[in-house]
Amino acid sequence: MDSDRHPHRRIRRTSQALIPALHLLQARARILQGIRLFFSERGFLEVETPVRVVCPGLEPHLVAIPAGDGRWLRTSPELHLKKLLAAGCGPVFELARCFRGEESGPWHRTEFTMLEWYRPHQTLETIAHDIAALLPEVARVANADVTSIRGCNFSAPVERLTVREAVQCYAGIDLAMYRDRATLAAALRGIGIACSDDDSWDELFFRVMILKVEPQLGRQQITILSEYPASQAALANIRPDPDWPVALRFEVYAGGIELANAFDELTDGSEQRRRHEADRDYRRAHGRELPELDEEFLAALESGMPPCAGIALGVDRLMALVLNVDDIRQLTF
């Protein structure tokens, strides 16, 4: 007799299939509680911002998912959190469900959990201290061996590298010497990286980072990679330099996996509008989805958002690392 015709047998079989994952769901709950406690003890306000938004983010690499009525599922809570900062709410954090129409894989999901936090009147250095405290705490809550998370010692001093130093170290290329597309393409071909004639400088930069640099980061200790090329600023401030202007931002790596992206936040409304319009022009030229500008966000910047630093961290990726899971889909339904 077909057991699928018997509901009780089907439920029992389904429940048994879920039992191996139960300890992961319990660990996930503990980690989320631990994150909330971490920020509560430091005076942060936990908030919830809209999931359906006018502008989900305009960076060229983002693939947004339509949500009807001219709105989109958010790719990040960033714009709404900054509206709260401009309103004077103080340091805030959110554990946000976010959505990106990217290819799924062991470290990517269309729907995922993002942790974002912002510190008004603080710098990236303070955010770096937050990272150095938060990641070992999450590992401890998960009952992981803090000294060896996929070979990465979360209790060791954080490694600091600039992008220029990392590309020089792991690819043998000084990016400041290859400021135009053609010379960078020639340099990449020289180390065995295929390039197309229509690749932009930024596309070539991403290629060398993905193939040569990122897999080497965070192998022995947590790595903070800073000073990205100015073209990668997005919503970050830029430090001008005639030889090598850089975006004031950093990314965090552990076990060869990118975990977080931090900005010294741009507060100039007119400059942010210019960047958003440039992003829209790029999207239009490449036939990409074209969300509206979030005029409330731009008005909030113009009204006087305080200088601040903020960061977005992939919660599912961090959980997978500390729980020694090879696919983030094992951590959620």
C-alpha atoms as a PDB file:
ATOM      1  CA  MET A   1       0.000   0.000   0.000  1.00  0.00           C
ATOM      2  CA  ASP A   2       1.257   3.471  -0.881  1.00  0.00           C
ATOM      3  CA  SER A   3       2.291   5.105   2.385  1.00  0.00           C
ATOM      4  CA  ASP A   4       1.775   8.588   0.880  1.00  0.00           C
ATOM      5  CA  ARG A   5      -1.990   7.952   1.121  1.00  0.00           C
ATOM      6  CA  HIS A   6      -1.696   7.838   4.880  1.00  0.00           C
ATOM      7  CA  PRO A   7      -1.232  11.357   6.323  1.00  0.00           C
ATOM      8  CA  HIS A   8       0.183  10.188   9.669  1.00  0.00           C
ATOM      9  CA  ARG A   9       2.879   8.100   7.995  1.00  0.00           C
ATOM     10  CA  ARG A  10       3.712  10.994   5.680  1.00  0.00           C
ATOM     11  CA  ILE A  11       4.013  13.437   8.600  1.00  0.00           C
ATOM     12  CA  ARG A  12       6.146  11.012  10.575  1.00  0.00           C
ATOM     13  CA  ARG A  13       8.466  10.461   7.619  1.00  0.00           C
ATOM     14  CA  THR A  14       8.731  14.211   6.994  1.00  0.00           C
ATOM     15  CA  SER A  15       9.473  14.851  10.672  1.00  0.00           C
ATOM     16  CA  GLN A  16      12.225  12.247  10.658  1.00  0.00           C
ATOM     17  CA  ALA A  17      13.742  13.953   7.626  1.00  0.00           C
ATOM     18  CA  LEU A  18      13.848  17.224   9.583  1.00  0.00           C
ATOM     19  CA  ILE A  19      15.460  15.790  12.717  1.00  0.00           C
ATOM     20  CA  PRO A  20      19.105  16.029  11.454  1.00  0.00           C
ATOM     21  CA  ALA A  21      18.591  19.769  10.858  1.00  0.00           C
ATOM     22  CA  LEU A  22      16.930  20.460  14.201  1.00  0.00           C
ATOM     23  CA  HIS A  23      20.218  21.196  15.981  1.00  0.00           C
ATOM     24  CA  LEU A  24      21.057  23.721  13.254  1.00  0.00           C
ATOM     25  CA  LEU A  25      17.723  25.491  13.677  1.00  0.00           C
ATOM     26  CA  GLN A  26      18.277  25.596  17.433  1.00  0.00           C
ATOM     27  CA  ALA A  27      21.792  26.965  16.920  1.00  0.00           C
ATOM     28  CA  ARG A  28      20.424  29.583  14.526  1.00  0.00           C
ATOM     29  CA  ALA A  29      17.965  30.741  17.178  1.00  0.00           C
ATOM     30  CA  ARG A  30      20.747  30.999  19.780  1.00  0.00           C
ATOM     31  CA  ILE A  31      22.925  33.011  17.411  1.00  0.00           C
ATOM     32  CA  LEU A  32      20.140  35.475  16.605  1.00  0.00           C
ATOM     33  CA  GLN A  33      19.496  35.930  20.320  1.00  0.00           C
ATOM     34  CA  GLY A  34      23.217  36.430  20.881  1.00  0.00           C
ATOM     35  CA  ILE A  35      23.417  39.094  18.176  1.00  0.00           C
ATOM     36  CA  ARG A  36      20.492  40.985  19.678  1.00  0.00           C
ATOM     37  CA  LEU A  37      22.073  40.846  23.136  1.00  0.00           C
ATOM     38  CA  PHE A  38      25.427  42.025  21.732  1.00  0.00           C
ATOM     39  CA  PHE A  39      23.912  45.209  20.291  1.00  0.00           C
ATOM     40  CA  SER A  40      21.487  45.825  23.140  1.00  0.00           C
ATOM     41  CA  GLU A  41      24.383  45.837  25.599  1.00  0.00           C
ATOM     42  CA  ARG A  42      26.090  48.482  23.471  1.00  0.00           C
ATOM     43  CA  GLY A  43      23.149  50.871  23.428  1.00  0.00           C
ATOM     44  CA  PHE A  44      21.785  50.142  19.942  1.00  0.00           C
ATOM     45  CA  LEU A  45      18.107  50.382  19.052  1.00  0.00           C
ATOM     46  CA  GLU A  46      16.723  47.419  17.110  1.00  0.00           C
ATOM     47  CA  VAL A  47      14.350  48.531  14.344  1.00  0.00           C
ATOM     48  CA  GLU A  48      12.297  47.020  11.535  1.00  0.00           C
ATOM     49  CA  THR A  49      12.113  48.798   8.184  1.00  0.00           C
ATOM     50  CA  PRO A  50       9.951  48.124   5.096  1.00  0.00           C
ATOM     51  CA  VAL A  51      10.520  45.050   2.936  1.00  0.00           C
ATOM     52  CA  ARG A  52       8.687  46.484  -0.122  1.00  0.00           C
ATOM     53  CA  VAL A  53      10.454  49.675  -1.174  1.00  0.00           C
ATOM     54  CA  VAL A  54      10.559  52.264  -3.951  1.00  0.00           C
ATOM     55  CA  CYS A  55      14.294  51.859  -4.449  1.00  0.00           C
ATOM     56  CA  PRO A  56      15.929  48.522  -3.541  1.00  0.00           C
ATOM     57  CA  GLY A  57      19.446  49.787  -4.306  1.00  0.00           C
ATOM     58  CA  LEU A  58      20.937  50.975  -7.577  1.00  0.00           C
ATOM     59  CA  GLU A  59      24.465  49.556  -7.582  1.00  0.00           C
ATOM     60  CA  PRO A  60      25.085  48.006 -11.029  1.00  0.00           C
ATOM     61  CA  HIS A  61      25.642  44.467  -9.673  1.00  0.00           C
ATOM     62  CA  LEU A  62      22.356  44.298  -7.742  1.00  0.00           C
ATOM     63  CA  VAL A  63      19.468  42.305  -9.221  1.00  0.00           C
ATOM     64  CA  ALA A  64      16.218  43.434  -7.622  1.00  0.00           C
ATOM     65  CA  ILE A  65      12.965  41.465  -7.496  1.00  0.00           C
ATOM     66  CA  PRO A  66       9.695  43.286  -8.375  1.00  0.00           C
ATOM     67  CA  ALA A  67       7.065  43.350  -5.621  1.00  0.00           C
ATOM     68  CA  GLY A  68       4.112  44.937  -7.447  1.00  0.00           C
ATOM     69  CA  ASP A  69       2.716  48.484  -7.539  1.00  0.00           C
ATOM     70  CA  GLY A  70       6.037  49.887  -8.703  1.00  0.00           C
ATOM     71  CA  ARG A  71       7.842  48.601  -5.623  1.00  0.00           C
ATOM     72  CA  TRP A  72      10.664  46.134  -5.115  1.00  0.00           C
ATOM     73  CA  LEU A  73      11.789  43.680  -2.474  1.00  0.00           C
ATOM     74  CA  ARG A  74      14.678  45.316  -0.661  1.00  0.00           C
ATOM     75  CA  THR A  75      18.208  44.178  -1.370  1.00  0.00           C
ATOM     76  CA  SER A  76      19.262  45.888   1.886  1.00  0.00           C
ATOM     77  CA  PRO A  77      17.611  47.990   4.608  1.00  0.00           C
ATOM     78  CA  GLU A  78      20.311  50.652   4.190  1.00  0.00           C
ATOM     79  CA  LEU A  79      18.322  53.556   2.785  1.00  0.00           C
ATOM     80  CA  HIS A  80      15.578  53.316   5.405  1.00  0.00           C
ATOM     81  CA  LEU A  81      18.056  52.931   8.264  1.00  0.00           C
ATOM     82  CA  LYS A  82      19.766  56.111   7.121  1.00  0.00           C
ATOM     83  CA  LYS A  83      16.432  57.924   7.150  1.00  0.00           C
ATOM     84  CA  LEU A  84      16.209  56.987  10.837  1.00  0.00           C
ATOM     85  CA  LEU A  85      19.753  58.251  11.445  1.00  0.00           C
ATOM     86  CA  ALA A  86      18.836  61.579   9.853  1.00  0.00           C
ATOM     87  CA  ALA A  87      15.818  61.746  12.176  1.00  0.00           C
ATOM     88  CA  GLY A  88      18.154  61.495  15.180  1.00  0.00           C
ATOM     89  CA  CYS A  89      17.449  57.950  16.385  1.00  0.00           C
ATOM     90  CA  GLY A  90      21.065  57.221  17.377  1.00  0.00           C
ATOM     91  CA  PRO A  91      22.877  53.912  16.787  1.00  0.00           C
ATOM     92  CA  VAL A  92      20.590  51.335  15.165  1.00  0.00           C
ATOM     93  CA  PHE A  93      20.673  47.759  13.932  1.00  0.00           C
ATOM     94  CA  GLU A  94      18.328  45.499  12.013  1.00  0.00           C
ATOM     95  CA  LEU A  95      18.201  41.775  11.324  1.00  0.00           C
ATOM     96  CA  ALA A  96      16.579  42.116   7.920  1.00  0.00           C
ATOM     97  CA  ARG A  97      15.222  39.593   5.440  1.00  0.00           C
ATOM     98  CA  CYS A  98      16.583  40.723   2.070  1.00  0.00           C
ATOM     99  CA  PHE A  99      16.132  39.562  -1.506  1.00  0.00           C
ATOM    100  CA  ARG A 100      18.429  39.501  -4.529  1.00  0.00           C
ATOM    101  CA  GLY A 101      17.765  37.825  -7.842  1.00  0.00           C
ATOM    102  CA  GLU A 102      21.204  36.279  -8.037  1.00  0.00           C
ATOM    103  CA  GLU A 103      22.250  32.773  -8.927  1.00  0.00           C
ATOM    104  CA  SER A 104      21.719  30.416  -5.998  1.00  0.00           C
ATOM    105  CA  GLY A 105      24.567  28.360  -4.602  1.00  0.00           C
ATOM    106  CA  PRO A 106      26.147  27.161  -1.367  1.00  0.00           C
ATOM    107  CA  TRP A 107      26.870  30.763  -0.284  1.00  0.00           C
ATOM    108  CA  HIS A 108      24.078  32.618  -2.106  1.00  0.00           C
ATOM    109  CA  ARG A 109      20.302  32.566  -1.729  1.00  0.00           C
ATOM    110  CA  THR A 110      17.620  34.722  -3.286  1.00  0.00           C
ATOM    111  CA  GLU A 111      16.217  35.302   0.231  1.00  0.00           C
ATOM    112  CA  PHE A 112      18.667  35.762   3.087  1.00  0.00           C
ATOM    113  CA  THR A 113      19.202  37.497   6.425  1.00  0.00           C
ATOM    114  CA  MET A 114      21.280  40.652   6.587  1.00  0.00           C
ATOM    115  CA  LEU A 115      22.528  42.283   9.770  1.00  0.00           C
ATOM    116  CA  GLU A 116      23.128  46.011   9.386  1.00  0.00           C
ATOM    117  CA  TRP A 117      24.244  48.453  12.036  1.00  0.00           C
ATOM    118  CA  TYR A 118      25.132  52.146  12.007  1.00  0.00           C
ATOM    119  CA  ARG A 119      27.036  54.347  14.446  1.00  0.00           C
ATOM    120  CA  PRO A 120      26.455  58.106  14.115  1.00  0.00           C
ATOM    121  CA  HIS A 121      29.469  60.321  14.829  1.00  0.00           C
ATOM    122  CA  GLN A 122      31.787  57.309  14.628  1.00  0.00           C
ATOM    123  CA  THR A 123      34.306  56.059  12.075  1.00  0.00           C
ATOM    124  CA  LEU A 124      35.153  52.820  10.321  1.00  0.00           C
ATOM    125  CA  GLU A 125      37.646  52.120  13.092  1.00  0.00           C
ATOM    126  CA  THR A 126      34.792  51.723  15.570  1.00  0.00           C
ATOM    127  CA  ILE A 127      32.993  49.376  13.185  1.00  0.00           C
ATOM    128  CA  ALA A 128      36.199  47.334  12.887  1.00  0.00           C
ATOM    129  CA  HIS A 129      36.257  47.009  16.696  1.00  0.00           C
ATOM    130  CA  ASP A 130      32.619  45.843  16.571  1.00  0.00           C
ATOM    131  CA  ILE A 131      33.584  43.126  14.084  1.00  0.00           C
ATOM    132  CA  ALA A 132      36.536  41.994  16.194  1.00  0.00           C
ATOM    133  CA  ALA A 133      34.170  41.568  19.168  1.00  0.00           C
ATOM    134  CA  LEU A 134      31.044  40.251  17.407  1.00  0.00           C
ATOM    135  CA  LEU A 135      32.496  37.404  15.329  1.00  0.00           C
ATOM    136  CA  PRO A 136      34.183  35.554  18.223  1.00  0.00           C
ATOM    137  CA  GLU A 137      31.039  36.057  20.309  1.00  0.00           C
ATOM    138  CA  VAL A 138      28.875  34.443  17.611  1.00  0.00           C
ATOM    139  CA  ALA A 139      31.320  31.521  17.456  1.00  0.00           C
ATOM    140  CA  ARG A 140      31.115  31.077  21.229  1.00  0.00           C
ATOM    141  CA  VAL A 141      27.306  31.176  21.188  1.00  0.00           C
ATOM    142  CA  ALA A 142      27.415  28.484  18.494  1.00  0.00           C
ATOM    143  CA  ASN A 143      29.688  26.347  20.725  1.00  0.00           C
ATOM    144  CA  ALA A 144      32.309  26.382  17.974  1.00  0.00           C
ATOM    145  CA  ASP A 145      36.053  26.189  18.462  1.00  0.00           C
ATOM    146  CA  VAL A 146      36.837  29.909  18.318  1.00  0.00           C
ATOM    147  CA  THR A 147      40.458  29.183  17.455  1.00  0.00           C
ATOM    148  CA  SER A 148      39.644  27.217  14.291  1.00  0.00           C
ATOM    149  CA  ILE A 149      36.629  28.151  12.169  1.00  0.00           C
ATOM    150  CA  ARG A 150      37.533  26.414   8.896  1.00  0.00           C
ATOM    151  CA  GLY A 151      41.138  27.032   9.888  1.00  0.00           C
ATOM    152  CA  CYS A 152      40.506  30.695  10.768  1.00  0.00           C
ATOM    153  CA  ASN A 153      41.288  31.744  14.331  1.00  0.00           C
ATOM    154  CA  PHE A 154      38.474  34.096  15.342  1.00  0.00           C
ATOM    155  CA  SER A 155      40.298  34.983  18.579  1.00  0.00           C
ATOM    156  CA  ALA A 156      43.496  36.120  16.839  1.00  0.00           C
ATOM    157  CA  PRO A 157      44.155  39.812  16.091  1.00  0.00           C
ATOM    158  CA  VAL A 158      42.343  40.909  12.944  1.00  0.00           C
ATOM    159  CA  GLU A 159      44.529  41.127   9.848  1.00  0.00           C
ATOM    160  CA  ARG A 160      44.427  44.477   8.033  1.00  0.00           C
ATOM    161  CA  LEU A 161      45.167  44.772   4.312  1.00  0.00           C
ATOM    162  CA  THR A 162      44.415  47.385   1.693  1.00  0.00           C
ATOM    163  CA  VAL A 163      43.054  46.269  -1.660  1.00  0.00           C
ATOM    164  CA  ARG A 164      46.202  47.532  -3.346  1.00  0.00           C
ATOM    165  CA  GLU A 165      48.383  45.490  -0.964  1.00  0.00           C
ATOM    166  CA  ALA A 166      46.254  42.348  -1.392  1.00  0.00           C
ATOM    167  CA  VAL A 167      46.239  42.440  -5.195  1.00  0.00           C
ATOM    168  CA  GLN A 168      49.995  43.056  -5.171  1.00  0.00           C
ATOM    169  CA  CYS A 169      50.513  40.138  -2.777  1.00  0.00           C
ATOM    170  CA  TYR A 170      48.238  37.527  -4.360  1.00  0.00           C
ATOM    171  CA  ALA A 171      48.215  38.561  -8.040  1.00  0.00           C
ATOM    172  CA  GLY A 172      51.508  40.420  -8.409  1.00  0.00           C
ATOM    173  CA  ILE A 173      49.772  43.521  -9.799  1.00  0.00           C
ATOM    174  CA  ASP A 174      49.981  47.080  -8.465  1.00  0.00           C
ATOM    175  CA  LEU A 175      46.537  48.447  -9.334  1.00  0.00           C
ATOM    176  CA  ALA A 176      47.744  52.044  -9.113  1.00  0.00           C
ATOM    177  CA  MET A 177      50.006  51.329 -12.105  1.00  0.00           C
ATOM    178  CA  TYR A 178      47.078  50.142 -14.238  1.00  0.00           C
ATOM    179  CA  ARG A 179      44.513  52.909 -14.067  1.00  0.00           C
ATOM    180  CA  ASP A 180      43.047  52.370 -17.544  1.00  0.00           C
ATOM    181  CA  ARG A 181      41.163  49.370 -18.879  1.00  0.00           C
ATOM    182  CA  ALA A 182      43.631  48.325 -21.580  1.00  0.00           C
ATOM    183  CA  THR A 183      46.713  48.155 -19.359  1.00  0.00           C
ATOM    184  CA  LEU A 184      44.843  46.298 -16.603  1.00  0.00           C
ATOM    185  CA  ALA A 185      43.521  43.778 -19.144  1.00  0.00           C
ATOM    186  CA  ALA A 186      47.056  43.175 -20.404  1.00  0.00           C
ATOM    187  CA  ALA A 187      48.304  42.655 -16.852  1.00  0.00           C
ATOM    188  CA  LEU A 188      45.518  40.148 -16.118  1.00  0.00           C
ATOM    189  CA  ARG A 189      46.201  38.208 -19.301  1.00  0.00           C
ATOM    190  CA  GLY A 190      49.821  38.058 -18.195  1.00  0.00           C
ATOM    191  CA  ILE A 191      48.809  36.051 -15.112  1.00  0.00           C
ATOM    192  CA  GLY A 192      46.409  33.774 -16.991  1.00  0.00           C
ATOM    193  CA  ILE A 193      43.088  35.581 -16.478  1.00  0.00           C
ATOM    194  CA  ALA A 194      40.920  35.727 -19.596  1.00  0.00           C
ATOM    195  CA  CYS A 195      39.606  39.169 -20.568  1.00  0.00           C
ATOM    196  CA  SER A 196      37.180  40.415 -23.199  1.00  0.00           C
ATOM    197  CA  ASP A 197      37.611  43.580 -25.219  1.00  0.00           C
ATOM    198  CA  ASP A 198      34.385  44.991 -23.815  1.00  0.00           C
ATOM    199  CA  ASP A 199      35.256  44.372 -20.130  1.00  0.00           C
ATOM    200  CA  SER A 200      35.246  47.589 -18.120  1.00  0.00           C
ATOM    201  CA  TRP A 201      37.999  48.403 -15.638  1.00  0.00           C
ATOM    202  CA  ASP A 202      35.653  47.547 -12.769  1.00  0.00           C
ATOM    203  CA  GLU A 203      34.755  44.184 -14.318  1.00  0.00           C
ATOM    204  CA  LEU A 204      38.449  43.371 -14.649  1.00  0.00           C
ATOM    205  CA  PHE A 205      39.004  44.431 -11.043  1.00  0.00           C
ATOM    206  CA  PHE A 206      36.239  42.109  -9.836  1.00  0.00           C
ATOM    207  CA  ARG A 207      37.714  39.248 -11.853  1.00  0.00           C
ATOM    208  CA  VAL A 208      41.172  39.459 -10.315  1.00  0.00           C
ATOM    209  CA  MET A 209      39.634  39.839  -6.867  1.00  0.00           C
ATOM    210  CA  ILE A 210      37.398  36.781  -7.245  1.00  0.00           C
ATOM    211  CA  LEU A 211      39.996  34.535  -8.877  1.00  0.00           C
ATOM    212  CA  LYS A 212      43.205  35.508  -7.128  1.00  0.00           C
ATOM    213  CA  VAL A 213      42.581  37.511  -3.973  1.00  0.00           C
ATOM    214  CA  GLU A 214      39.362  36.629  -2.130  1.00  0.00           C
ATOM    215  CA  PRO A 215      40.063  32.871  -1.795  1.00  0.00           C
ATOM    216  CA  GLN A 216      43.239  33.732   0.144  1.00  0.00           C
ATOM    217  CA  LEU A 217      41.629  36.089   2.664  1.00  0.00           C
ATOM    218  CA  GLY A 218      40.719  35.188   6.233  1.00  0.00           C
ATOM    219  CA  ARG A 219      42.490  31.846   6.070  1.00  0.00           C
ATOM    220  CA  GLN A 220      44.336  32.085   9.403  1.00  0.00           C
ATOM    221  CA  GLN A 221      42.592  35.037  11.025  1.00  0.00           C
ATOM    222  CA  ILE A 222      39.734  37.402  10.250  1.00  0.00           C
ATOM    223  CA  THR A 223      40.802  39.810   7.502  1.00  0.00           C
ATOM    224  CA  ILE A 224      39.616  43.384   6.981  1.00  0.00           C
ATOM    225  CA  LEU A 225      40.264  44.516   3.411  1.00  0.00           C
ATOM    226  CA  SER A 226      40.115  48.300   3.034  1.00  0.00           C
ATOM    227  CA  GLU A 227      40.689  51.181   0.608  1.00  0.00           C
ATOM    228  CA  TYR A 228      38.789  49.974  -2.441  1.00  0.00           C
ATOM    229  CA  PRO A 229      39.181  51.817  -5.754  1.00  0.00           C
ATOM    230  CA  ALA A 230      37.188  55.054  -5.809  1.00  0.00           C
ATOM    231  CA  SER A 231      34.902  53.627  -8.518  1.00  0.00           C
ATOM    232  CA  GLN A 232      33.700  51.110  -5.890  1.00  0.00           C
ATOM    233  CA  ALA A 233      32.503  53.762  -3.437  1.00  0.00           C
ATOM    234  CA  ALA A 234      28.710  53.274  -3.934  1.00  0.00           C
ATOM    235  CA  LEU A 235      27.400  55.005  -0.769  1.00  0.00           C
ATOM    236  CA  ALA A 236      30.819  55.601   0.825  1.00  0.00           C
ATOM    237  CA  ASN A 237      33.004  58.684   1.086  1.00  0.00           C
ATOM    238  CA  ILE A 238      36.094  58.963  -1.108  1.00  0.00           C
ATOM    239  CA  ARG A 239      39.583  59.973  -0.026  1.00  0.00           C
ATOM    240  CA  PRO A 240      40.977  61.993  -2.943  1.00  0.00           C
ATOM    241  CA  ASP A 241      44.530  61.269  -4.016  1.00  0.00           C
ATOM    242  CA  PRO A 242      46.042  62.097  -7.422  1.00  0.00           C
ATOM    243  CA  ASP A 243      47.963  58.818  -7.436  1.00  0.00           C
ATOM    244  CA  TRP A 244      45.335  56.422  -6.035  1.00  0.00           C
ATOM    245  CA  PRO A 245      41.966  57.784  -4.816  1.00  0.00           C
ATOM    246  CA  VAL A 246      40.151  55.267  -2.645  1.00  0.00           C
ATOM    247  CA  ALA A 247      36.690  54.583  -1.260  1.00  0.00           C
ATOM    248  CA  LEU A 248      36.543  54.735   2.530  1.00  0.00           C
ATOM    249  CA  ARG A 249      35.117  51.274   3.044  1.00  0.00           C
ATOM    250  CA  PHE A 250      36.207  47.795   4.003  1.00  0.00           C
ATOM    251  CA  GLU A 251      35.080  44.205   3.581  1.00  0.00           C
ATOM    252  CA  VAL A 252      35.447  41.389   6.103  1.00  0.00           C
ATOM    253  CA  TYR A 253      36.637  37.877   5.238  1.00  0.00           C
ATOM    254  CA  ALA A 254      36.904  34.630   7.191  1.00  0.00           C
ATOM    255  CA  GLY A 255      37.804  31.233   5.791  1.00  0.00           C
ATOM    256  CA  GLY A 256      37.994  32.681   2.277  1.00  0.00           C
ATOM    257  CA  ILE A 257      34.360  33.863   2.485  1.00  0.00           C
ATOM    258  CA  GLU A 258      33.221  37.491   2.289  1.00  0.00           C
ATOM    259  CA  LEU A 259      31.069  38.224   5.344  1.00  0.00           C
ATOM    260  CA  ALA A 260      30.528  41.978   5.536  1.00  0.00           C
ATOM    261  CA  ASN A 261      30.848  45.314   3.787  1.00  0.00           C
ATOM    262  CA  ALA A 262      31.392  48.563   5.740  1.00  0.00           C
ATOM    263  CA  PHE A 263      31.247  52.230   4.652  1.00  0.00           C
ATOM    264  CA  ASP A 264      32.310  55.570   5.985  1.00  0.00           C
ATOM    265  CA  GLU A 265      28.891  56.790   4.923  1.00  0.00           C
ATOM    266  CA  LEU A 266      28.364  59.478   2.325  1.00  0.00           C
ATOM    267  CA  THR A 267      26.167  62.243   3.774  1.00  0.00           C
ATOM    268  CA  ASP A 268      26.281  64.696   0.844  1.00  0.00           C
ATOM    269  CA  GLY A 269      22.828  64.543  -0.727  1.00  0.00           C
ATOM    270  CA  SER A 270      23.800  66.162  -4.035  1.00  0.00           C
ATOM    271  CA  GLU A 271      26.781  63.817  -4.507  1.00  0.00           C
ATOM    272  CA  GLN A 272      24.614  60.799  -3.642  1.00  0.00           C
ATOM    273  CA  ARG A 273      22.044  61.922  -6.216  1.00  0.00           C
ATOM    274  CA  ARG A 274      24.797  62.234  -8.836  1.00  0.00           C
ATOM    275  CA  ARG A 275      25.994  58.685  -8.102  1.00  0.00           C
ATOM    276  CA  HIS A 276      22.470  57.289  -8.179  1.00  0.00           C
ATOM    277  CA  GLU A 277      21.803  58.947 -11.529  1.00  0.00           C
ATOM    278  CA  ALA A 278      25.061  57.496 -12.884  1.00  0.00           C
ATOM    279  CA  ASP A 279      23.975  54.048 -11.690  1.00  0.00           C
ATOM    280  CA  ARG A 280      20.614  54.499 -13.397  1.00  0.00           C
ATOM    281  CA  ASP A 281      22.361  55.500 -16.622  1.00  0.00           C
ATOM    282  CA  TYR A 282      24.449  52.319 -16.439  1.00  0.00           C
ATOM    283  CA  ARG A 283      21.364  50.193 -15.830  1.00  0.00           C
ATOM    284  CA  ARG A 284      19.496  51.848 -18.679  1.00  0.00           C
ATOM    285  CA  ALA A 285      22.414  51.299 -21.074  1.00  0.00           C
ATOM    286  CA  HIS A 286      22.623  47.601 -20.124  1.00  0.00           C
ATOM    287  CA  GLY A 287      18.880  46.882 -20.204  1.00  0.00           C
ATOM    288  CA  ARG A 288      18.673  46.333 -16.452  1.00  0.00           C
ATOM    289  CA  GLU A 289      15.689  46.980 -14.179  1.00  0.00           C
ATOM    290  CA  LEU A 290      15.346  50.692 -13.412  1.00  0.00           C
ATOM    291  CA  PRO A 291      13.912  51.520  -9.972  1.00  0.00           C
ATOM    292  CA  GLU A 292      13.020  55.096  -9.090  1.00  0.00           C
ATOM    293  CA  LEU A 293      15.217  57.202  -6.874  1.00  0.00           C
ATOM    294  CA  ASP A 294      14.235  57.203  -3.214  1.00  0.00           C
ATOM    295  CA  GLU A 295      13.572  60.912  -2.872  1.00  0.00           C
ATOM    296  CA  GLU A 296      12.840  60.572   0.847  1.00  0.00           C
ATOM    297  CA  PHE A 297      16.319  59.146   1.367  1.00  0.00           C
ATOM    298  CA  LEU A 298      17.975  61.922  -0.628  1.00  0.00           C
ATOM    299  CA  ALA A 299      15.946  64.520   1.272  1.00  0.00           C
ATOM    300  CA  ALA A 300      17.074  62.926   4.547  1.00  0.00           C
ATOM    301  CA  LEU A 301      20.710  63.358   3.502  1.00  0.00           C
ATOM    302  CA  GLU A 302      20.093  66.951   2.537  1.00  0.00           C
ATOM    303  CA  SER A 303      18.362  67.628   5.855  1.00  0.00           C
ATOM    304  CA  GLY A 304      21.550  66.755   7.690  1.00  0.00           C
ATOM    305  CA  MET A 305      22.303  63.084   8.321  1.00  0.00           C
ATOM    306  CA  PRO A 306      25.123  62.982  10.885  1.00  0.00           C
ATOM    307  CA  PRO A 307      28.544  61.691   9.897  1.00  0.00           C
ATOM    308  CA  CYS A 308      28.499  57.974  10.561  1.00  0.00           C
ATOM    309  CA  ALA A 309      29.850  54.552   9.723  1.00  0.00           C
ATOM    310  CA  GLY A 310      27.850  51.428   9.002  1.00  0.00           C
ATOM    311  CA  ILE A 311      28.144  47.824   7.916  1.00  0.00           C
ATOM    312  CA  ALA A 312      26.098  45.014   6.364  1.00  0.00           C
ATOM    313  CA  LEU A 313      26.885  41.434   7.397  1.00  0.00           C
ATOM    314  CA  GLY A 314      25.575  38.209   5.849  1.00  0.00           C
ATOM    315  CA  VAL A 315      24.120  36.342   8.826  1.00  0.00           C
ATOM    316  CA  ASP A 316      23.548  33.058   6.997  1.00  0.00           C
ATOM    317  CA  ARG A 317      27.153  32.970   5.802  1.00  0.00           C
ATOM    318  CA  LEU A 318      28.501  33.648   9.280  1.00  0.00           C
ATOM    319  CA  MET A 319      26.271  30.927  10.729  1.00  0.00           C
ATOM    320  CA  ALA A 320      27.423  28.456   8.097  1.00  0.00           C
ATOM    321  CA  LEU A 321      31.052  29.151   9.014  1.00  0.00           C
ATOM    322  CA  VAL A 322      30.690  28.801  12.768  1.00  0.00           C
ATOM    323  CA  LEU A 323      28.391  25.759  12.479  1.00  0.00           C
ATOM    324  CA  ASN A 324      30.660  24.096   9.891  1.00  0.00           C
ATOM    325  CA  VAL A 325      27.910  23.860   7.283  1.00  0.00           C
ATOM    326  CA  ASP A 326      28.755  23.799   3.571  1.00  0.00           C
ATOM    327  CA  ASP A 327      25.470  25.215   2.266  1.00  0.00           C
ATOM    328  CA  ILE A 328      23.506  28.078   3.828  1.00  0.00           C
ATOM    329  CA  ARG A 329      20.267  26.446   2.640  1.00  0.00           C
ATOM    330  CA  GLN A 330      20.687  23.942   5.494  1.00  0.00           C
ATOM    331  CA  LEU A 331      20.088  26.748   7.983  1.00  0.00           C
ATOM    332  CA  THR A 332      16.616  27.830   6.868  1.00  0.00           C
ATOM    333  CA  PHE A 333      13.487  26.371   5.277  1.00  0.00           C
END
